[in-house]
ModelCIF file with pLDDT and N, C-alpha, C, O atoms, coordinates in Angstrom:
data_MODEL
#
_entry.id   MODEL 
#
_entity.id                         1 
_entity.type                       polymer 
_entity.pdbx_number_of_molecules   1 
#
_entity_poly.entity_id                      1 
_entity_poly.type                           'polypeptide(L)' 
_entity_poly.nstd_linkage                   no 
_entity_poly.nstd_monomer                   no 
_entity_poly.pdbx_seq_one_letter_code       
;(UNK)(UNK)(UNK)(UNK)(UNK)(UNK)(UNK)(UNK)(UNK)(UNK)(UNK)(UNK)(UNK)(UNK)(UNK)(UNK)
(UNK)(UNK)(UNK)(UNK)(UNK)(UNK)(UNK)(UNK)(UNK)(UNK)(UNK)(UNK)(UNK)(UNK)(UNK)(UNK)
(UNK)(UNK)(UNK)(UNK)(UNK)(UNK)(UNK)(UNK)(UNK)(UNK)(UNK)(UNK)(UNK)
;
_entity_poly.pdbx_seq_one_letter_code_can   XXXXXXXXXXXXXXXXXXXXXXXXXXXXXXXXXXXXXXXXXXXXX 
_entity_poly.pdbx_strand_id                 A 
#
loop_
_entity_poly_seq.entity_id 
_entity_poly_seq.num 
_entity_poly_seq.mon_id 
_entity_poly_seq.hetero 
1 1  UNK n 
1 2  UNK n 
1 3  UNK n 
1 4  UNK n 
1 5  UNK n 
1 6  UNK n 
1 7  UNK n 
1 8  UNK n 
1 9  UNK n 
1 10 UNK n 
1 11 UNK n 
1 12 UNK n 
1 13 UNK n 
1 14 UNK n 
1 15 UNK n 
1 16 UNK n 
1 17 UNK n 
1 18 UNK n 
1 19 UNK n 
1 20 UNK n 
1 21 UNK n 
1 22 UNK n 
1 23 UNK n 
1 24 UNK n 
1 25 UNK n 
1 26 UNK n 
1 27 UNK n 
1 28 UNK n 
1 29 UNK n 
1 30 UNK n 
1 31 UNK n 
1 32 UNK n 
1 33 UNK n 
1 34 UNK n 
1 35 UNK n 
1 36 UNK n 
1 37 UNK n 
1 38 UNK n 
1 39 UNK n 
1 40 UNK n 
1 41 UNK n 
1 42 UNK n 
1 43 UNK n 
1 44 UNK n 
1 45 UNK n 
#
_struct_asym.id          A 
_struct_asym.entity_id   1 
#
loop_
_ma_qa_metric.id 
_ma_qa_metric.mode 
_ma_qa_metric.name 
_ma_qa_metric.software_group_id 
_ma_qa_metric.type 
1 global pLDDT . pLDDT 
2 local  pLDDT . pLDDT 
#
_ma_qa_metric_global.metric_id      1 
_ma_qa_metric_global.metric_value   86.31 
_ma_qa_metric_global.model_id       1 
_ma_qa_metric_global.ordinal_id     1 
#
loop_
_ma_qa_metric_local.label_asym_id 
_ma_qa_metric_local.label_comp_id 
_ma_qa_metric_local.label_seq_id 
_ma_qa_metric_local.metric_id 
_ma_qa_metric_local.metric_value 
_ma_qa_metric_local.model_id 
_ma_qa_metric_local.ordinal_id 
A UNK 1  2 48.00 1 1  
A UNK 2  2 47.00 1 2  
A UNK 3  2 56.00 1 3  
A UNK 4  2 66.00 1 4  
A UNK 5  2 74.00 1 5  
A UNK 6  2 77.00 1 6  
A UNK 7  2 77.00 1 7  
A UNK 8  2 75.00 1 8  
A UNK 9  2 81.00 1 9  
A UNK 10 2 83.00 1 10 
A UNK 11 2 82.00 1 11 
A UNK 12 2 84.00 1 12 
A UNK 13 2 86.00 1 13 
A UNK 14 2 86.00 1 14 
A UNK 15 2 87.00 1 15 
A UNK 16 2 88.00 1 16 
A UNK 17 2 89.00 1 17 
A UNK 18 2 91.00 1 18 
A UNK 19 2 93.00 1 19 
A UNK 20 2 92.00 1 20 
A UNK 21 2 92.00 1 21 
A UNK 22 2 93.00 1 22 
A UNK 23 2 94.00 1 23 
A UNK 24 2 93.00 1 24 
A UNK 25 2 93.00 1 25 
A UNK 26 2 93.00 1 26 
A UNK 27 2 93.00 1 27 
A UNK 28 2 93.00 1 28 
A UNK 29 2 91.00 1 29 
A UNK 30 2 87.00 1 30 
A UNK 31 2 89.00 1 31 
A UNK 32 2 91.00 1 32 
A UNK 33 2 91.00 1 33 
A UNK 34 2 92.00 1 34 
A UNK 35 2 92.00 1 35 
A UNK 36 2 94.00 1 36 
A UNK 37 2 94.00 1 37 
A UNK 38 2 95.00 1 38 
A UNK 39 2 94.00 1 39 
A UNK 40 2 94.00 1 40 
A UNK 41 2 96.00 1 41 
A UNK 42 2 95.00 1 42 
A UNK 43 2 94.00 1 43 
A UNK 44 2 94.00 1 44 
A UNK 45 2 95.00 1 45 
#
loop_
_atom_site.group_PDB 
_atom_site.id 
_atom_site.type_symbol 
_atom_site.label_atom_id 
_atom_site.label_alt_id 
_atom_site.label_comp_id 
_atom_site.label_asym_id 
_atom_site.label_entity_id 
_atom_site.label_seq_id 
_atom_site.pdbx_PDB_ins_code 
_atom_site.Cartn_x 
_atom_site.Cartn_y 
_atom_site.Cartn_z 
_atom_site.occupancy 
_atom_site.B_iso_or_equiv 
_atom_site.pdbx_formal_charge 
_atom_site.auth_seq_id 
_atom_site.auth_comp_id 
_atom_site.auth_asym_id 
_atom_site.auth_atom_id 
_atom_site.pdbx_PDB_model_num 
ATOM 1   N N  . UNK A 1 1  ? -15.411 -124.653 -70.642 1.00 48.00 ? 1  UNK A N  1 
ATOM 2   C CA . UNK A 1 1  ? -13.994 -124.540 -70.966 1.00 48.00 ? 1  UNK A CA 1 
ATOM 3   C C  . UNK A 1 1  ? -13.149 -125.533 -70.182 1.00 48.00 ? 1  UNK A C  1 
ATOM 4   O O  . UNK A 1 1  ? -12.153 -126.036 -70.703 1.00 48.00 ? 1  UNK A O  1 
ATOM 5   N N  . UNK A 1 2  ? -13.527 -125.827 -68.938 1.00 47.00 ? 2  UNK A N  1 
ATOM 6   C CA . UNK A 1 2  ? -12.726 -126.741 -68.129 1.00 47.00 ? 2  UNK A CA 1 
ATOM 7   C C  . UNK A 1 2  ? -12.822 -128.178 -68.604 1.00 47.00 ? 2  UNK A C  1 
ATOM 8   O O  . UNK A 1 2  ? -12.087 -129.033 -68.110 1.00 47.00 ? 2  UNK A O  1 
ATOM 9   N N  . UNK A 1 3  ? -13.702 -128.469 -69.545 1.00 56.00 ? 3  UNK A N  1 
ATOM 10  C CA . UNK A 1 3  ? -13.834 -129.819 -70.084 1.00 56.00 ? 3  UNK A CA 1 
ATOM 11  C C  . UNK A 1 3  ? -13.184 -129.952 -71.462 1.00 56.00 ? 3  UNK A C  1 
ATOM 12  O O  . UNK A 1 3  ? -13.335 -130.988 -72.110 1.00 56.00 ? 3  UNK A O  1 
ATOM 13  N N  . UNK A 1 4  ? -12.472 -128.939 -71.916 1.00 66.00 ? 4  UNK A N  1 
ATOM 14  C CA . UNK A 1 4  ? -11.852 -129.015 -73.230 1.00 66.00 ? 4  UNK A CA 1 
ATOM 15  C C  . UNK A 1 4  ? -10.439 -129.579 -73.127 1.00 66.00 ? 4  UNK A C  1 
ATOM 16  O O  . UNK A 1 4  ? -9.767  -129.439 -72.106 1.00 66.00 ? 4  UNK A O  1 
ATOM 17  N N  . UNK A 1 5  ? -10.011 -130.214 -74.202 1.00 74.00 ? 5  UNK A N  1 
ATOM 18  C CA . UNK A 1 5  ? -8.652  -130.763 -74.253 1.00 74.00 ? 5  UNK A CA 1 
ATOM 19  C C  . UNK A 1 5  ? -7.619  -129.643 -74.196 1.00 74.00 ? 5  UNK A C  1 
ATOM 20  O O  . UNK A 1 5  ? -6.574  -129.790 -73.563 1.00 74.00 ? 5  UNK A O  1 
ATOM 21  N N  . UNK A 1 6  ? -7.909  -128.531 -74.852 1.00 77.00 ? 6  UNK A N  1 
ATOM 22  C CA . UNK A 1 6  ? -6.976  -127.401 -74.852 1.00 77.00 ? 6  UNK A CA 1 
ATOM 23  C C  . UNK A 1 6  ? -6.752  -126.873 -73.443 1.00 77.00 ? 6  UNK A C  1 
ATOM 24  O O  . UNK A 1 6  ? -5.624  -126.562 -73.059 1.00 77.00 ? 6  UNK A O  1 
ATOM 25  N N  . UNK A 1 7  ? -7.815  -126.775 -72.688 1.00 77.00 ? 7  UNK A N  1 
ATOM 26  C CA . UNK A 1 7  ? -7.694  -126.303 -71.313 1.00 77.00 ? 7  UNK A CA 1 
ATOM 27  C C  . UNK A 1 7  ? -6.848  -127.279 -70.493 1.00 77.00 ? 7  UNK A C  1 
ATOM 28  O O  . UNK A 1 7  ? -5.940  -126.865 -69.771 1.00 77.00 ? 7  UNK A O  1 
ATOM 29  N N  . UNK A 1 8  ? -7.144  -128.558 -70.606 1.00 75.00 ? 8  UNK A N  1 
ATOM 30  C CA . UNK A 1 8  ? -6.412  -129.567 -69.841 1.00 75.00 ? 8  UNK A CA 1 
ATOM 31  C C  . UNK A 1 8  ? -4.925  -129.565 -70.145 1.00 75.00 ? 8  UNK A C  1 
ATOM 32  O O  . UNK A 1 8  ? -4.102  -129.603 -69.230 1.00 75.00 ? 8  UNK A O  1 
ATOM 33  N N  . UNK A 1 9  ? -4.576  -129.519 -71.427 1.00 81.00 ? 9  UNK A N  1 
ATOM 34  C CA . UNK A 1 9  ? -3.159  -129.521 -71.783 1.00 81.00 ? 9  UNK A CA 1 
ATOM 35  C C  . UNK A 1 9  ? -2.480  -128.191 -71.451 1.00 81.00 ? 9  UNK A C  1 
ATOM 36  O O  . UNK A 1 9  ? -1.282  -128.169 -71.167 1.00 81.00 ? 9  UNK A O  1 
ATOM 37  N N  . UNK A 1 10 ? -3.214  -127.097 -71.483 1.00 83.00 ? 10 UNK A N  1 
ATOM 38  C CA . UNK A 1 10 ? -2.645  -125.810 -71.067 1.00 83.00 ? 10 UNK A CA 1 
ATOM 39  C C  . UNK A 1 10 ? -2.318  -125.834 -69.581 1.00 83.00 ? 10 UNK A C  1 
ATOM 40  O O  . UNK A 1 10 ? -1.265  -125.349 -69.165 1.00 83.00 ? 10 UNK A O  1 
ATOM 41  N N  . UNK A 1 11 ? -3.217  -126.398 -68.782 1.00 82.00 ? 11 UNK A N  1 
ATOM 42  C CA . UNK A 1 11 ? -2.966  -126.527 -67.344 1.00 82.00 ? 11 UNK A CA 1 
ATOM 43  C C  . UNK A 1 11 ? -1.734  -127.403 -67.112 1.00 82.00 ? 11 UNK A C  1 
ATOM 44  O O  . UNK A 1 11 ? -0.880  -127.078 -66.288 1.00 82.00 ? 11 UNK A O  1 
ATOM 45  N N  . UNK A 1 12 ? -1.651  -128.508 -67.839 1.00 84.00 ? 12 UNK A N  1 
ATOM 46  C CA . UNK A 1 12 ? -0.489  -129.388 -67.692 1.00 84.00 ? 12 UNK A CA 1 
ATOM 47  C C  . UNK A 1 12 ? 0.796   -128.653 -68.026 1.00 84.00 ? 12 UNK A C  1 
ATOM 48  O O  . UNK A 1 12 ? 1.777   -128.751 -67.288 1.00 84.00 ? 12 UNK A O  1 
ATOM 49  N N  . UNK A 1 13 ? 0.801   -127.922 -69.125 1.00 86.00 ? 13 UNK A N  1 
ATOM 50  C CA . UNK A 1 13 ? 2.006   -127.202 -69.536 1.00 86.00 ? 13 UNK A CA 1 
ATOM 51  C C  . UNK A 1 13 ? 2.433   -126.183 -68.489 1.00 86.00 ? 13 UNK A C  1 
ATOM 52  O O  . UNK A 1 13 ? 3.613   -126.088 -68.151 1.00 86.00 ? 13 UNK A O  1 
ATOM 53  N N  . UNK A 1 14 ? 1.480   -125.431 -67.982 1.00 86.00 ? 14 UNK A N  1 
ATOM 54  C CA . UNK A 1 14 ? 1.804   -124.425 -66.964 1.00 86.00 ? 14 UNK A CA 1 
ATOM 55  C C  . UNK A 1 14 ? 2.315   -125.113 -65.691 1.00 86.00 ? 14 UNK A C  1 
ATOM 56  O O  . UNK A 1 14 ? 3.332   -124.701 -65.131 1.00 86.00 ? 14 UNK A O  1 
ATOM 57  N N  . UNK A 1 15 ? 1.625   -126.142 -65.239 1.00 87.00 ? 15 UNK A N  1 
ATOM 58  C CA . UNK A 1 15 ? 2.028   -126.826 -64.014 1.00 87.00 ? 15 UNK A CA 1 
ATOM 59  C C  . UNK A 1 15 ? 3.377   -127.517 -64.170 1.00 87.00 ? 15 UNK A C  1 
ATOM 60  O O  . UNK A 1 15 ? 4.159   -127.581 -63.222 1.00 87.00 ? 15 UNK A O  1 
ATOM 61  N N  . UNK A 1 16 ? 3.646   -128.031 -65.356 1.00 88.00 ? 16 UNK A N  1 
ATOM 62  C CA . UNK A 1 16 ? 4.911   -128.734 -65.572 1.00 88.00 ? 16 UNK A CA 1 
ATOM 63  C C  . UNK A 1 16 ? 6.100   -127.787 -65.707 1.00 88.00 ? 16 UNK A C  1 
ATOM 64  O O  . UNK A 1 16 ? 7.230   -128.240 -65.892 1.00 88.00 ? 16 UNK A O  1 
ATOM 65  N N  . UNK A 1 17 ? 5.864   -126.485 -65.615 1.00 89.00 ? 17 UNK A N  1 
ATOM 66  C CA . UNK A 1 17 ? 7.002   -125.570 -65.561 1.00 89.00 ? 17 UNK A CA 1 
ATOM 67  C C  . UNK A 1 17 ? 7.786   -125.758 -64.268 1.00 89.00 ? 17 UNK A C  1 
ATOM 68  O O  . UNK A 1 17 ? 8.906   -125.264 -64.139 1.00 89.00 ? 17 UNK A O  1 
ATOM 69  N N  . UNK A 1 18 ? 7.195   -126.477 -63.305 1.00 91.00 ? 18 UNK A N  1 
ATOM 70  C CA . UNK A 1 18 ? 7.955   -126.841 -62.106 1.00 91.00 ? 18 UNK A CA 1 
ATOM 71  C C  . UNK A 1 18 ? 9.155   -127.714 -62.468 1.00 91.00 ? 18 UNK A C  1 
ATOM 72  O O  . UNK A 1 18 ? 10.115  -127.787 -61.700 1.00 91.00 ? 18 UNK A O  1 
ATOM 73  N N  . UNK A 1 19 ? 9.115   -128.371 -63.616 1.00 93.00 ? 19 UNK A N  1 
ATOM 74  C CA . UNK A 1 19 ? 10.272  -129.143 -64.076 1.00 93.00 ? 19 UNK A CA 1 
ATOM 75  C C  . UNK A 1 19 ? 11.448  -128.200 -64.280 1.00 93.00 ? 19 UNK A C  1 
ATOM 76  O O  . UNK A 1 19 ? 12.561  -128.478 -63.836 1.00 93.00 ? 19 UNK A O  1 
ATOM 77  N N  . UNK A 1 20 ? 11.196  -127.086 -64.951 1.00 92.00 ? 20 UNK A N  1 
ATOM 78  C CA . UNK A 1 20 ? 12.254  -126.103 -65.171 1.00 92.00 ? 20 UNK A CA 1 
ATOM 79  C C  . UNK A 1 20 ? 12.791  -125.586 -63.841 1.00 92.00 ? 20 UNK A C  1 
ATOM 80  O O  . UNK A 1 20 ? 14.002  -125.462 -63.658 1.00 92.00 ? 20 UNK A O  1 
ATOM 81  N N  . UNK A 1 21 ? 11.887  -125.286 -62.919 1.00 92.00 ? 21 UNK A N  1 
ATOM 82  C CA . UNK A 1 21 ? 12.303  -124.776 -61.608 1.00 92.00 ? 21 UNK A CA 1 
ATOM 83  C C  . UNK A 1 21 ? 13.155  -125.813 -60.884 1.00 92.00 ? 21 UNK A C  1 
ATOM 84  O O  . UNK A 1 21 ? 14.174  -125.467 -60.287 1.00 92.00 ? 21 UNK A O  1 
ATOM 85  N N  . UNK A 1 22 ? 12.750  -127.079 -60.930 1.00 93.00 ? 22 UNK A N  1 
ATOM 86  C CA . UNK A 1 22 ? 13.507  -128.145 -60.279 1.00 93.00 ? 22 UNK A CA 1 
ATOM 87  C C  . UNK A 1 22 ? 14.893  -128.318 -60.880 1.00 93.00 ? 22 UNK A C  1 
ATOM 88  O O  . UNK A 1 22 ? 15.873  -128.478 -60.153 1.00 93.00 ? 22 UNK A O  1 
ATOM 89  N N  . UNK A 1 23 ? 14.975  -128.286 -62.212 1.00 94.00 ? 23 UNK A N  1 
ATOM 90  C CA . UNK A 1 23 ? 16.281  -128.410 -62.882 1.00 94.00 ? 23 UNK A CA 1 
ATOM 91  C C  . UNK A 1 23 ? 17.165  -127.228 -62.508 1.00 94.00 ? 23 UNK A C  1 
ATOM 92  O O  . UNK A 1 23 ? 18.352  -127.405 -62.235 1.00 94.00 ? 23 UNK A O  1 
ATOM 93  N N  . UNK A 1 24 ? 16.607  -126.041 -62.493 1.00 93.00 ? 24 UNK A N  1 
ATOM 94  C CA . UNK A 1 24 ? 17.385  -124.851 -62.145 1.00 93.00 ? 24 UNK A CA 1 
ATOM 95  C C  . UNK A 1 24 ? 17.869  -124.905 -60.697 1.00 93.00 ? 24 UNK A C  1 
ATOM 96  O O  . UNK A 1 24 ? 19.022  -124.585 -60.409 1.00 93.00 ? 24 UNK A O  1 
ATOM 97  N N  . UNK A 1 25 ? 16.985  -125.310 -59.794 1.00 93.00 ? 25 UNK A N  1 
ATOM 98  C CA . UNK A 1 25 ? 17.387  -125.419 -58.373 1.00 93.00 ? 25 UNK A CA 1 
ATOM 99  C C  . UNK A 1 25 ? 18.486  -126.468 -58.208 1.00 93.00 ? 25 UNK A C  1 
ATOM 100 O O  . UNK A 1 25 ? 19.442  -126.252 -57.463 1.00 93.00 ? 25 UNK A O  1 
ATOM 101 N N  . UNK A 1 26 ? 18.356  -127.592 -58.894 1.00 93.00 ? 26 UNK A N  1 
ATOM 102 C CA . UNK A 1 26 ? 19.375  -128.637 -58.841 1.00 93.00 ? 26 UNK A CA 1 
ATOM 103 C C  . UNK A 1 26 ? 20.708  -128.095 -59.363 1.00 93.00 ? 26 UNK A C  1 
ATOM 104 O O  . UNK A 1 26 ? 21.760  -128.309 -58.760 1.00 93.00 ? 26 UNK A O  1 
ATOM 105 N N  . UNK A 1 27 ? 20.642  -127.393 -60.492 1.00 93.00 ? 27 UNK A N  1 
ATOM 106 C CA . UNK A 1 27 ? 21.850  -126.799 -61.069 1.00 93.00 ? 27 UNK A CA 1 
ATOM 107 C C  . UNK A 1 27 ? 22.497  -125.822 -60.096 1.00 93.00 ? 27 UNK A C  1 
ATOM 108 O O  . UNK A 1 27 ? 23.708  -125.862 -59.878 1.00 93.00 ? 27 UNK A O  1 
ATOM 109 N N  . UNK A 1 28 ? 21.688  -124.949 -59.514 1.00 93.00 ? 28 UNK A N  1 
ATOM 110 C CA . UNK A 1 28 ? 22.227  -123.898 -58.652 1.00 93.00 ? 28 UNK A CA 1 
ATOM 111 C C  . UNK A 1 28 ? 22.717  -124.422 -57.310 1.00 93.00 ? 28 UNK A C  1 
ATOM 112 O O  . UNK A 1 28 ? 23.778  -124.011 -56.840 1.00 93.00 ? 28 UNK A O  1 
ATOM 113 N N  . UNK A 1 29 ? 21.967  -125.318 -56.687 1.00 91.00 ? 29 UNK A N  1 
ATOM 114 C CA . UNK A 1 29 ? 22.305  -125.759 -55.333 1.00 91.00 ? 29 UNK A CA 1 
ATOM 115 C C  . UNK A 1 29 ? 23.236  -126.963 -55.279 1.00 91.00 ? 29 UNK A C  1 
ATOM 116 O O  . UNK A 1 29 ? 24.050  -127.070 -54.361 1.00 91.00 ? 29 UNK A O  1 
ATOM 117 N N  . UNK A 1 30 ? 23.133  -127.863 -56.235 1.00 87.00 ? 30 UNK A N  1 
ATOM 118 C CA . UNK A 1 30 ? 23.923  -129.090 -56.183 1.00 87.00 ? 30 UNK A CA 1 
ATOM 119 C C  . UNK A 1 30 ? 25.115  -129.073 -57.132 1.00 87.00 ? 30 UNK A C  1 
ATOM 120 O O  . UNK A 1 30 ? 26.092  -129.787 -56.908 1.00 87.00 ? 30 UNK A O  1 
ATOM 121 N N  . UNK A 1 31 ? 25.046  -128.273 -58.181 1.00 89.00 ? 31 UNK A N  1 
ATOM 122 C CA . UNK A 1 31 ? 26.075  -128.301 -59.211 1.00 89.00 ? 31 UNK A CA 1 
ATOM 123 C C  . UNK A 1 31 ? 26.847  -126.998 -59.334 1.00 89.00 ? 31 UNK A C  1 
ATOM 124 O O  . UNK A 1 31 ? 27.591  -126.816 -60.297 1.00 89.00 ? 31 UNK A O  1 
ATOM 125 N N  . UNK A 1 32 ? 26.689  -126.103 -58.395 1.00 91.00 ? 32 UNK A N  1 
ATOM 126 C CA . UNK A 1 32 ? 27.449  -124.864 -58.407 1.00 91.00 ? 32 UNK A CA 1 
ATOM 127 C C  . UNK A 1 32 ? 27.127  -123.934 -59.574 1.00 91.00 ? 32 UNK A C  1 
ATOM 128 O O  . UNK A 1 32 ? 27.973  -123.144 -59.993 1.00 91.00 ? 32 UNK A O  1 
ATOM 129 N N  . UNK A 1 33 ? 25.915  -124.025 -60.095 1.00 91.00 ? 33 UNK A N  1 
ATOM 130 C CA . UNK A 1 33 ? 25.485  -123.128 -61.167 1.00 91.00 ? 33 UNK A CA 1 
ATOM 131 C C  . UNK A 1 33 ? 25.788  -123.613 -62.568 1.00 91.00 ? 33 UNK A C  1 
ATOM 132 O O  . UNK A 1 33 ? 25.494  -122.916 -63.539 1.00 91.00 ? 33 UNK A O  1 
ATOM 133 N N  . UNK A 1 34 ? 26.378  -124.810 -62.695 1.00 92.00 ? 34 UNK A N  1 
ATOM 134 C CA . UNK A 1 34 ? 26.721  -125.340 -64.014 1.00 92.00 ? 34 UNK A CA 1 
ATOM 135 C C  . UNK A 1 34 ? 26.180  -126.761 -64.130 1.00 92.00 ? 34 UNK A C  1 
ATOM 136 O O  . UNK A 1 34 ? 26.347  -127.572 -63.219 1.00 92.00 ? 34 UNK A O  1 
ATOM 137 N N  . UNK A 1 35 ? 25.535  -127.056 -65.251 1.00 92.00 ? 35 UNK A N  1 
ATOM 138 C CA . UNK A 1 35 ? 25.022  -128.411 -65.460 1.00 92.00 ? 35 UNK A CA 1 
ATOM 139 C C  . UNK A 1 35 ? 25.060  -128.731 -66.954 1.00 92.00 ? 35 UNK A C  1 
ATOM 140 O O  . UNK A 1 35 ? 24.826  -127.867 -67.798 1.00 92.00 ? 35 UNK A O  1 
ATOM 141 N N  . UNK A 1 36 ? 25.357  -129.981 -67.253 1.00 94.00 ? 36 UNK A N  1 
ATOM 142 C CA . UNK A 1 36 ? 25.361  -130.441 -68.635 1.00 94.00 ? 36 UNK A CA 1 
ATOM 143 C C  . UNK A 1 36 ? 23.956  -130.930 -69.005 1.00 94.00 ? 36 UNK A C  1 
ATOM 144 O O  . UNK A 1 36 ? 23.084  -131.084 -68.150 1.00 94.00 ? 36 UNK A O  1 
ATOM 145 N N  . UNK A 1 37 ? 23.773  -131.166 -70.292 1.00 94.00 ? 37 UNK A N  1 
ATOM 146 C CA . UNK A 1 37 ? 22.453  -131.527 -70.792 1.00 94.00 ? 37 UNK A CA 1 
ATOM 147 C C  . UNK A 1 37 ? 21.921  -132.817 -70.158 1.00 94.00 ? 37 UNK A C  1 
ATOM 148 O O  . UNK A 1 37 ? 20.795  -132.832 -69.660 1.00 94.00 ? 37 UNK A O  1 
ATOM 149 N N  . UNK A 1 38 ? 22.697  -133.882 -70.166 1.00 95.00 ? 38 UNK A N  1 
ATOM 150 C CA . UNK A 1 38 ? 22.164  -135.171 -69.690 1.00 95.00 ? 38 UNK A CA 1 
ATOM 151 C C  . UNK A 1 38 ? 21.770  -135.175 -68.214 1.00 95.00 ? 38 UNK A C  1 
ATOM 152 O O  . UNK A 1 38 ? 20.696  -135.678 -67.884 1.00 95.00 ? 38 UNK A O  1 
ATOM 153 N N  . UNK A 1 39 ? 22.593  -134.636 -67.312 1.00 94.00 ? 39 UNK A N  1 
ATOM 154 C CA . UNK A 1 39 ? 22.120  -134.585 -65.922 1.00 94.00 ? 39 UNK A CA 1 
ATOM 155 C C  . UNK A 1 39 ? 20.865  -133.717 -65.758 1.00 94.00 ? 39 UNK A C  1 
ATOM 156 O O  . UNK A 1 39 ? 19.969  -134.057 -64.986 1.00 94.00 ? 39 UNK A O  1 
ATOM 157 N N  . UNK A 1 40 ? 20.806  -132.604 -66.483 1.00 94.00 ? 40 UNK A N  1 
ATOM 158 C CA . UNK A 1 40 ? 19.625  -131.741 -66.404 1.00 94.00 ? 40 UNK A CA 1 
ATOM 159 C C  . UNK A 1 40 ? 18.406  -132.472 -66.961 1.00 94.00 ? 40 UNK A C  1 
ATOM 160 O O  . UNK A 1 40 ? 17.317  -132.391 -66.394 1.00 94.00 ? 40 UNK A O  1 
ATOM 161 N N  . UNK A 1 41 ? 18.592  -133.189 -68.078 1.00 96.00 ? 41 UNK A N  1 
ATOM 162 C CA . UNK A 1 41 ? 17.492  -133.942 -68.655 1.00 96.00 ? 41 UNK A CA 1 
ATOM 163 C C  . UNK A 1 41 ? 17.052  -135.066 -67.715 1.00 96.00 ? 41 UNK A C  1 
ATOM 164 O O  . UNK A 1 41 ? 15.860  -135.355 -67.611 1.00 96.00 ? 41 UNK A O  1 
ATOM 165 N N  . UNK A 1 42 ? 17.997  -135.691 -67.040 1.00 95.00 ? 42 UNK A N  1 
ATOM 166 C CA . UNK A 1 42 ? 17.657  -136.746 -66.082 1.00 95.00 ? 42 UNK A CA 1 
ATOM 167 C C  . UNK A 1 42 ? 16.780  -136.234 -64.950 1.00 95.00 ? 42 UNK A C  1 
ATOM 168 O O  . UNK A 1 42 ? 15.801  -136.881 -64.580 1.00 95.00 ? 42 UNK A O  1 
ATOM 169 N N  . UNK A 1 43 ? 17.125  -135.083 -64.404 1.00 94.00 ? 43 UNK A N  1 
ATOM 170 C CA . UNK A 1 43 ? 16.311  -134.489 -63.337 1.00 94.00 ? 43 UNK A CA 1 
ATOM 171 C C  . UNK A 1 43 ? 14.931  -134.114 -63.891 1.00 94.00 ? 43 UNK A C  1 
ATOM 172 O O  . UNK A 1 43 ? 13.914  -134.362 -63.243 1.00 94.00 ? 43 UNK A O  1 
ATOM 173 N N  . UNK A 1 44 ? 14.897  -133.522 -65.078 1.00 94.00 ? 44 UNK A N  1 
ATOM 174 C CA . UNK A 1 44 ? 13.624  -133.144 -65.694 1.00 94.00 ? 44 UNK A CA 1 
ATOM 175 C C  . UNK A 1 44 ? 12.755  -134.353 -66.005 1.00 94.00 ? 44 UNK A C  1 
ATOM 176 O O  . UNK A 1 44 ? 11.546  -134.326 -65.777 1.00 94.00 ? 44 UNK A O  1 
ATOM 177 N N  . UNK A 1 45 ? 13.359  -135.407 -66.521 1.00 95.00 ? 45 UNK A N  1 
ATOM 178 C CA . UNK A 1 45 ? 12.617  -136.626 -66.850 1.00 95.00 ? 45 UNK A CA 1 
ATOM 179 C C  . UNK A 1 45 ? 12.062  -137.280 -65.586 1.00 95.00 ? 45 UNK A C  1 
ATOM 180 O O  . UNK A 1 45 ? 11.407  -138.320 -65.665 1.00 95.00 ? 45 UNK A O  1 
#
């Protein structure tokens, strides 16, 4: 199973949820809880 493409991309998807956490932390700590799409997308990208 660890050699399948599905497994590899599933691991990537789960691990890349840190993008959401990073965007949320940036929004909460640097932007006072409010963020527009482009700045959030920039941090995520």
